[in-house]
Structures are given as C-alpha cells and as structure tokens.
Amino acid sequence: MGVVTAAETTMSAMSVYELGYRDERIVDVHGKQFDPEQYSRFKYGDGEAAQHYAVSLADELLERYGDDIGDMYIAGSASKHVPTAAQAISNALIGELSLRGHAPTGAFRIDRAVVREGDYSALSDSERELLAHNNGLTVPPETLREMADCPVMIIDDIKVTGSHEAALRQVLGSAGLKSVLFSYIASVEPEVAATRPQIEYDVNHAFVKELQDVTELAEEPLFVLNARTCKYILQSDSEAITCMVERMPLSRSMQMLSAMTADGYHLLPTYKESFTAFTDAAYEKAARTRNG
C-alpha cells in the first residue's frame, strides 16, 4: 500500500494479509495461512479470534516500525456507542504491545454520528463511497490538540475499496498530526476490490451463516459484543430471535438489548419488528426467572 501526504500529515497503510479468490476460495494471495472461518468468528464477537489477530498485527507492526510504536496514539475504527469488531483487536493490541515493552503513548476514539440499517459488506463500491462520507466521523477537538505533532495509528479489520479510509483521511489530514498509519488485518487485492467488493461479505460469513451461529459465539466466555452482531440479530426473523434469547443466558440478552438501544437501532424502521421480538422474548424470560 502506498504513502501520500495530506496537509503536511504523512499517511500510510499496511495489512497483515492481502486477500483474493483462488478457485473461488478466499486466500492470502502471498501464501500466508489465512482462515476465513476464524475471521468470520472474529467479526461476530469471538474474543479469542480477536486476540489472535492482535498478536499477528503486533508481530507485523514491530517488525516494520519497532520502537516508533511507542510514540503513537492508537484508535479502533469509528463507532457510535457500541464498538466495532475492530475495537476488540485495538484493545488487545494495546495490551500485546505493552507486554512486549512497546506500549503506545495513548488511546483515543473516533466518533460516528450516524448508524444505518443493512450490511455494509454487501454494498457496491459506489454505495460504500456514498455512505462513508456521510457517517459524521469526528474526533473531539481536545483529543486532536493533545495529539498535535504526534503519530497516530488507526486499527481496522479490512480494507476493500478504501472508502472508509478516505473519509478518515479527510477528518485527520488537516488536524496537525505528524503521521497517520492505517493498520489492517487484511486488505483485498486491487482487481478483486474493483470488481467484487462483496468479498468482504463472503469472508464475514464464512462461519456465521445463520443466527444459530451467532448464538454459539455469544455463549462463549470470551465473547465481545459489537455493532455488527447487533445488526445481524435484528436482520433475523422473530422466531429465530426468540429461540436465540431462550438459549442464551439472560444477562447476555439484556446486554444486547442495552447495546441495540444505545446505538438507536430500535428507532430504525427496518428493525422495528425484530427489536420488538427481541425485547418481548427477553422480558418474558426475565419475568419467568423472577417468578422461579
């Protein structure tokens, strides 16, 4: 990936893997071992998989940048209240770098004002570009002042067309930062990104193909709830949602319910029926629990 300079801030990007299709299988085009099912589990909250990718990213970053890592401020990809899957990697990465004696200078967050229905990974290139520049991405002014003349690293899981990165470049490019490094678990080879950006959808769902798969992940002790998981649940039918709530611990259902309302998914028309189904099932189960 190349390097550009925008408003005196040097910007660059790197990734651990570069993905493409070979005989309709998703692989790393340079021969590295990449497991699409493990990546899919990570995208839907598998904390063990997130830790795996944090270790891989730490290896790559320290090999490339060494002691410079300690000067950086680190953020996960933009979110509203509920974190993205990439935030789990960002959190684990900070811990991993610290254990190796390369703790970053600090951490910060990028705010997303707008949340929408649907699955971003299923969109075309033009649809991604339109949405990426209308998400209301901001960094608090006091945070930018603190990081002035410092290097910054943004952690994300995958770069396909680069629309989201381009939006962040606009936000950060004139903020007086020394440099911005976009660090990804995976990027997509350019020919595939240009013609089949839905490779992101394919890899996201290599393991998770139905709500029962998400339920399995949610029962794991290292499960980390994220915005993608909330939206996937709310895209499901009422019967499947009721079955999920019945199977999961009540505490997990209530955690999910709080997350859905925090990001305002209950206000989106597409999710109205499914949110009602989830709420009814959770509160009915809570009532049964109280009554013994």
Protein backbone atom coordinates (compact mmCIF):
# COMPACT_ATOMS: atom_id res chain seq x y z
CA MET A 1 0.00 0.00 0.00
CA GLY A 2 1.27 3.46 -0.86
CA VAL A 3 2.15 6.59 1.07
CA VAL A 4 0.68 10.06 0.49
CA THR A 5 0.99 13.41 2.16
CA ALA A 6 -2.12 15.45 3.00
CA ALA A 7 -1.84 18.88 4.65
CA GLU A 8 1.66 18.05 5.99
CA THR A 9 0.42 14.87 7.64
CA THR A 10 2.08 11.75 6.24
CA MET A 11 -0.42 8.95 5.72
CA SER A 12 0.28 5.30 5.03
CA ALA A 13 -1.41 1.91 5.24
CA MET A 14 -0.38 -1.67 5.89
CA SER A 15 -2.06 -5.04 6.35
CA VAL A 16 -1.12 -8.47 7.63
CA TYR A 17 -2.91 -10.31 4.82
CA GLU A 18 -3.90 -9.50 1.24
CA LEU A 19 -6.98 -11.45 0.23
CA GLY A 20 -8.24 -12.66 -3.10
CA TYR A 21 -10.10 -15.55 -4.68
CA ARG A 22 -8.34 -18.68 -5.91
CA ASP A 23 -10.71 -21.30 -7.33
CA GLU A 24 -13.49 -19.37 -5.55
CA ARG A 25 -11.77 -19.85 -2.19
CA ILE A 26 -10.70 -16.81 -0.16
CA VAL A 27 -6.96 -16.97 0.46
CA ASP A 28 -4.00 -14.76 1.19
CA VAL A 29 -2.54 -14.13 -2.26
CA HIS A 30 1.03 -14.25 -0.90
CA GLY A 31 0.66 -17.72 0.60
CA LYS A 32 0.19 -16.85 4.28
CA GLN A 33 -2.12 -19.09 6.26
CA PHE A 34 -5.49 -17.34 6.48
CA ASP A 35 -8.60 -18.98 7.92
CA PRO A 36 -11.82 -17.35 6.64
CA GLU A 37 -13.91 -19.10 9.30
CA GLN A 38 -11.74 -17.72 12.09
CA TYR A 39 -12.08 -14.24 10.61
CA SER A 40 -15.86 -14.67 10.41
CA ARG A 41 -15.97 -15.68 14.07
CA PHE A 42 -13.95 -12.61 14.99
CA LYS A 43 -16.37 -10.32 13.12
CA TYR A 44 -19.22 -11.64 15.21
CA GLY A 45 -17.61 -11.34 18.62
CA ASP A 46 -15.14 -14.20 19.11
CA GLY A 47 -12.67 -12.64 21.57
CA GLU A 48 -10.16 -15.46 21.15
CA ALA A 49 -10.00 -14.79 17.41
CA ALA A 50 -9.59 -11.05 18.08
CA GLN A 51 -6.63 -11.83 20.34
CA HIS A 52 -5.11 -14.00 17.60
CA TYR A 53 -5.27 -11.13 15.13
CA ALA A 54 -3.90 -8.68 17.69
CA VAL A 55 -0.82 -10.89 18.10
CA SER A 56 -0.39 -11.16 14.32
CA LEU A 57 -0.73 -7.40 13.93
CA ALA A 58 1.73 -6.75 16.76
CA ASP A 59 4.28 -9.03 15.07
CA GLU A 60 3.90 -7.16 11.78
CA LEU A 61 3.99 -3.68 13.34
CA LEU A 62 7.06 -4.33 15.46
CA GLU A 63 8.90 -5.85 12.51
CA ARG A 64 8.15 -2.77 10.38
CA TYR A 65 8.20 0.09 12.89
CA GLY A 66 9.97 -1.15 16.03
CA ASP A 67 10.43 1.45 18.74
CA ASP A 68 8.40 4.06 16.82
CA ILE A 69 5.25 2.25 18.01
CA GLY A 70 5.76 3.68 21.49
CA ASP A 71 5.28 7.24 20.22
CA MET A 72 1.87 6.54 18.70
CA TYR A 73 -1.71 7.18 19.75
CA ILE A 74 -4.00 4.29 18.77
CA ALA A 75 -7.71 4.16 17.90
CA GLY A 76 -10.05 1.49 16.62
CA SER A 77 -12.38 2.19 13.71
CA ALA A 78 -15.18 4.71 14.15
CA SER A 79 -18.24 3.81 16.20
CA LYS A 80 -21.20 5.40 17.93
CA HIS A 81 -21.75 3.85 21.38
CA VAL A 82 -21.39 0.16 20.58
CA PRO A 83 -17.86 -0.71 19.44
CA THR A 84 -16.98 -2.22 16.10
CA ALA A 85 -15.33 -5.63 15.84
CA ALA A 86 -12.05 -3.84 15.13
CA GLN A 87 -12.15 -2.26 18.58
CA ALA A 88 -11.63 -5.71 20.12
CA ILE A 89 -8.40 -6.01 18.13
CA SER A 90 -7.35 -2.47 19.08
CA ASN A 91 -7.84 -3.17 22.79
CA ALA A 92 -6.00 -6.48 22.61
CA LEU A 93 -3.22 -4.94 20.51
CA ILE A 94 -2.51 -2.26 23.10
CA GLY A 95 -2.16 -4.98 25.72
CA GLU A 96 0.04 -7.12 23.48
CA LEU A 97 2.36 -4.22 22.61
CA SER A 98 2.58 -3.25 26.27
CA LEU A 99 3.57 -6.81 27.25
CA ARG A 100 6.38 -6.63 24.69
CA GLY A 101 7.68 -3.31 26.05
CA HIS A 102 6.22 -1.11 23.30
CA ALA A 103 3.19 0.45 24.97
CA PRO A 104 1.71 3.23 22.81
CA THR A 105 1.59 6.79 24.15
CA GLY A 106 -2.20 6.73 24.41
CA ALA A 107 -5.53 5.64 23.00
CA PHE A 108 -8.40 7.69 21.57
CA ARG A 109 -11.72 7.14 19.81
CA ILE A 110 -13.26 8.22 16.53
CA ASP A 111 -16.96 9.04 16.83
CA ARG A 112 -19.58 8.05 14.27
CA ALA A 113 -22.75 10.14 14.45
CA VAL A 114 -24.84 8.12 12.00
CA VAL A 115 -25.85 4.45 12.12
CA ARG A 116 -27.78 2.75 9.34
CA GLU A 117 -29.66 -0.42 8.56
CA GLY A 118 -28.16 -3.17 6.49
CA ASP A 119 -24.81 -4.82 5.97
CA TYR A 120 -22.02 -2.55 4.70
CA SER A 121 -20.02 -5.54 3.47
CA ALA A 122 -22.71 -6.35 0.89
CA LEU A 123 -22.54 -2.91 -0.78
CA SER A 124 -21.02 -1.95 -4.13
CA ASP A 125 -18.06 0.40 -4.48
CA SER A 126 -20.26 3.43 -5.23
CA GLU A 127 -22.63 2.67 -2.34
CA ARG A 128 -19.69 2.37 0.06
CA GLU A 129 -18.26 5.70 -1.04
CA LEU A 130 -21.59 7.46 -0.58
CA LEU A 131 -22.11 6.09 2.93
CA ALA A 132 -18.52 6.53 4.09
CA HIS A 133 -18.63 10.28 3.50
CA ASN A 134 -21.98 10.70 5.25
CA ASN A 135 -21.29 8.94 8.53
CA GLY A 136 -20.48 12.06 10.56
CA LEU A 137 -16.95 10.97 11.56
CA THR A 138 -15.30 13.22 14.16
CA VAL A 139 -12.54 13.27 16.74
CA PRO A 140 -13.04 15.53 19.78
CA PRO A 141 -11.07 18.81 19.35
CA GLU A 142 -9.38 18.41 22.73
CA THR A 143 -8.11 14.99 21.64
CA LEU A 144 -6.67 16.42 18.43
CA ARG A 145 -4.93 19.16 20.42
CA GLU A 146 -3.38 16.55 22.70
CA MET A 147 -2.12 14.55 19.72
CA ALA A 148 -0.76 17.55 17.76
CA ASP A 149 2.57 16.75 16.07
CA CYS A 150 2.28 13.10 17.17
CA PRO A 151 1.99 9.92 15.10
CA VAL A 152 -1.38 8.17 15.12
CA MET A 153 -2.43 4.62 14.24
CA ILE A 154 -5.95 3.57 13.21
CA ILE A 155 -6.80 -0.12 13.65
CA ASP A 156 -9.37 -1.69 11.35
CA ASP A 157 -10.13 -5.21 10.24
CA ILE A 158 -10.28 -4.99 6.44
CA LYS A 159 -9.68 -2.56 3.59
CA VAL A 160 -11.65 -3.31 0.45
CA THR A 161 -12.29 -0.22 -1.69
CA GLY A 162 -10.73 2.29 0.72
CA SER A 163 -13.86 4.46 1.05
CA HIS A 164 -13.83 4.44 4.85
CA GLU A 165 -10.12 5.20 4.94
CA ALA A 166 -10.62 8.10 2.52
CA ALA A 167 -13.27 9.60 4.83
CA LEU A 168 -10.91 9.32 7.80
CA ARG A 169 -8.10 10.89 5.80
CA GLN A 170 -10.32 13.95 5.34
CA VAL A 171 -11.03 14.11 9.08
CA LEU A 172 -7.42 13.63 10.19
CA GLY A 173 -5.46 15.09 7.29
CA SER A 174 -5.61 18.71 8.43
CA ALA A 175 -5.52 18.07 12.18
CA GLY A 176 -1.83 18.84 12.62
CA LEU A 177 -0.82 15.25 13.27
CA LYS A 178 2.70 14.09 12.46
CA SER A 179 1.52 10.96 10.67
CA VAL A 180 -1.39 8.55 10.37
CA LEU A 181 -0.87 4.82 9.87
CA PHE A 182 -3.92 2.75 8.88
CA SER A 183 -3.27 -0.79 10.12
CA TYR A 184 -5.49 -3.60 8.86
CA ILE A 185 -5.74 -7.29 9.47
CA ALA A 186 -6.47 -7.72 5.78
CA SER A 187 -6.66 -5.80 2.53
CA VAL A 188 -8.10 -7.03 -0.76
CA GLU A 189 -6.08 -7.30 -3.92
CA PRO A 190 -6.99 -4.36 -6.20
CA GLU A 191 -8.54 -6.36 -9.05
CA VAL A 192 -10.94 -8.10 -6.67
CA ALA A 193 -11.74 -4.90 -4.77
CA ALA A 194 -12.66 -3.21 -8.06
CA THR A 195 -14.87 -5.99 -9.38
CA ARG A 196 -16.08 -7.98 -6.37
CA PRO A 197 -16.09 -5.78 -3.24
CA GLN A 198 -18.60 -8.24 -1.77
CA ILE A 199 -15.59 -10.45 -0.94
CA GLU A 200 -15.96 -8.72 2.42
CA TYR A 201 -19.44 -10.21 2.81
CA ASP A 202 -18.13 -13.64 1.81
CA VAL A 203 -15.32 -13.67 4.37
CA ASN A 204 -17.54 -12.18 7.09
CA HIS A 205 -19.91 -15.11 6.66
CA ALA A 206 -17.51 -17.98 6.15
CA PHE A 207 -18.58 -19.30 9.58
CA VAL A 208 -21.61 -17.21 10.51
CA LYS A 209 -24.36 -18.23 8.11
CA GLU A 210 -27.41 -18.10 10.39
CA LEU A 211 -28.44 -16.74 13.77
CA GLN A 212 -27.71 -20.04 15.48
CA ASP A 213 -24.02 -19.50 14.68
CA VAL A 214 -24.08 -16.10 16.40
CA THR A 215 -25.82 -17.67 19.38
CA GLU A 216 -23.00 -20.21 19.64
CA LEU A 217 -20.44 -17.40 19.73
CA ALA A 218 -22.48 -15.40 22.26
CA GLU A 219 -22.35 -18.33 24.67
CA GLU A 220 -18.54 -18.32 24.69
CA PRO A 221 -16.86 -16.79 27.78
CA LEU A 222 -14.64 -14.50 25.67
CA PHE A 223 -17.50 -13.15 23.53
CA VAL A 224 -17.19 -9.41 22.80
CA LEU A 225 -20.41 -7.75 21.69
CA ASN A 226 -20.12 -5.41 18.71
CA ALA A 227 -22.35 -3.35 16.44
CA ARG A 228 -22.25 -5.87 13.57
CA THR A 229 -23.61 -8.59 15.83
CA CYS A 230 -26.48 -6.37 16.99
CA LYS A 231 -27.48 -5.58 13.43
CA TYR A 232 -27.25 -9.20 12.33
CA ILE A 233 -29.63 -10.23 15.09
CA LEU A 234 -32.08 -7.51 14.09
CA GLN A 235 -31.98 -8.65 10.45
CA SER A 236 -33.28 -12.06 11.54
CA ASP A 237 -36.88 -13.26 11.77
CA SER A 238 -38.83 -13.18 15.01
CA GLU A 239 -38.90 -16.94 15.51
CA ALA A 240 -35.11 -17.23 15.25
CA ILE A 241 -34.67 -14.27 17.62
CA THR A 242 -36.96 -15.84 20.22
CA CYS A 243 -35.01 -19.10 20.02
CA MET A 244 -31.76 -17.20 20.49
CA VAL A 245 -32.98 -15.39 23.59
CA GLU A 246 -34.27 -18.63 25.10
CA ARG A 247 -30.91 -20.34 24.57
CA MET A 248 -28.61 -17.56 25.80
CA PRO A 249 -28.07 -16.53 29.43
CA LEU A 250 -30.48 -13.73 30.34
CA SER A 251 -27.57 -11.44 31.18
CA ARG A 252 -26.30 -11.72 27.60
CA SER A 253 -29.72 -10.89 26.17
CA MET A 254 -30.02 -7.82 28.38
CA GLN A 255 -26.51 -6.71 27.38
CA MET A 256 -27.53 -6.94 23.72
CA LEU A 257 -30.78 -5.10 24.35
CA SER A 258 -28.91 -2.23 26.00
CA ALA A 259 -26.48 -2.06 23.08
CA MET A 260 -29.25 -2.01 20.47
CA THR A 261 -30.99 0.90 22.17
CA ALA A 262 -27.72 2.78 22.82
CA ASP A 263 -26.97 2.95 19.10
CA GLY A 264 -30.60 3.71 18.25
CA TYR A 265 -31.36 0.56 16.23
CA HIS A 266 -34.81 0.42 17.83
CA LEU A 267 -35.61 3.70 16.04
CA LEU A 268 -34.80 2.38 12.55
CA PRO A 269 -37.93 1.21 10.67
CA THR A 270 -36.24 -1.87 9.21
CA TYR A 271 -35.54 -3.23 12.68
CA LYS A 272 -38.80 -2.31 14.42
CA GLU A 273 -40.42 -5.76 14.27
CA SER A 274 -37.28 -7.71 15.15
CA PHE A 275 -36.41 -5.36 18.01
CA THR A 276 -39.89 -5.84 19.45
CA ALA A 277 -39.45 -9.63 19.17
CA PHE A 278 -36.11 -9.48 20.97
CA THR A 279 -37.47 -7.19 23.70
CA ASP A 280 -40.58 -9.29 24.28
CA ALA A 281 -38.59 -12.52 24.48
CA ALA A 282 -36.01 -11.05 26.86
CA TYR A 283 -38.56 -9.55 29.24
CA GLU A 284 -40.73 -12.66 29.21
CA LYS A 285 -37.70 -14.73 30.15
CA ALA A 286 -36.79 -12.22 32.86
CA ALA A 287 -40.30 -12.47 34.30
CA ARG A 288 -40.11 -16.27 34.38
CA THR A 289 -36.74 -16.06 36.10
CA ARG A 290 -38.07 -13.73 38.80
CA ASN A 291 -41.09 -15.94 39.40
CA GLY A 292 -38.99 -19.05 39.73
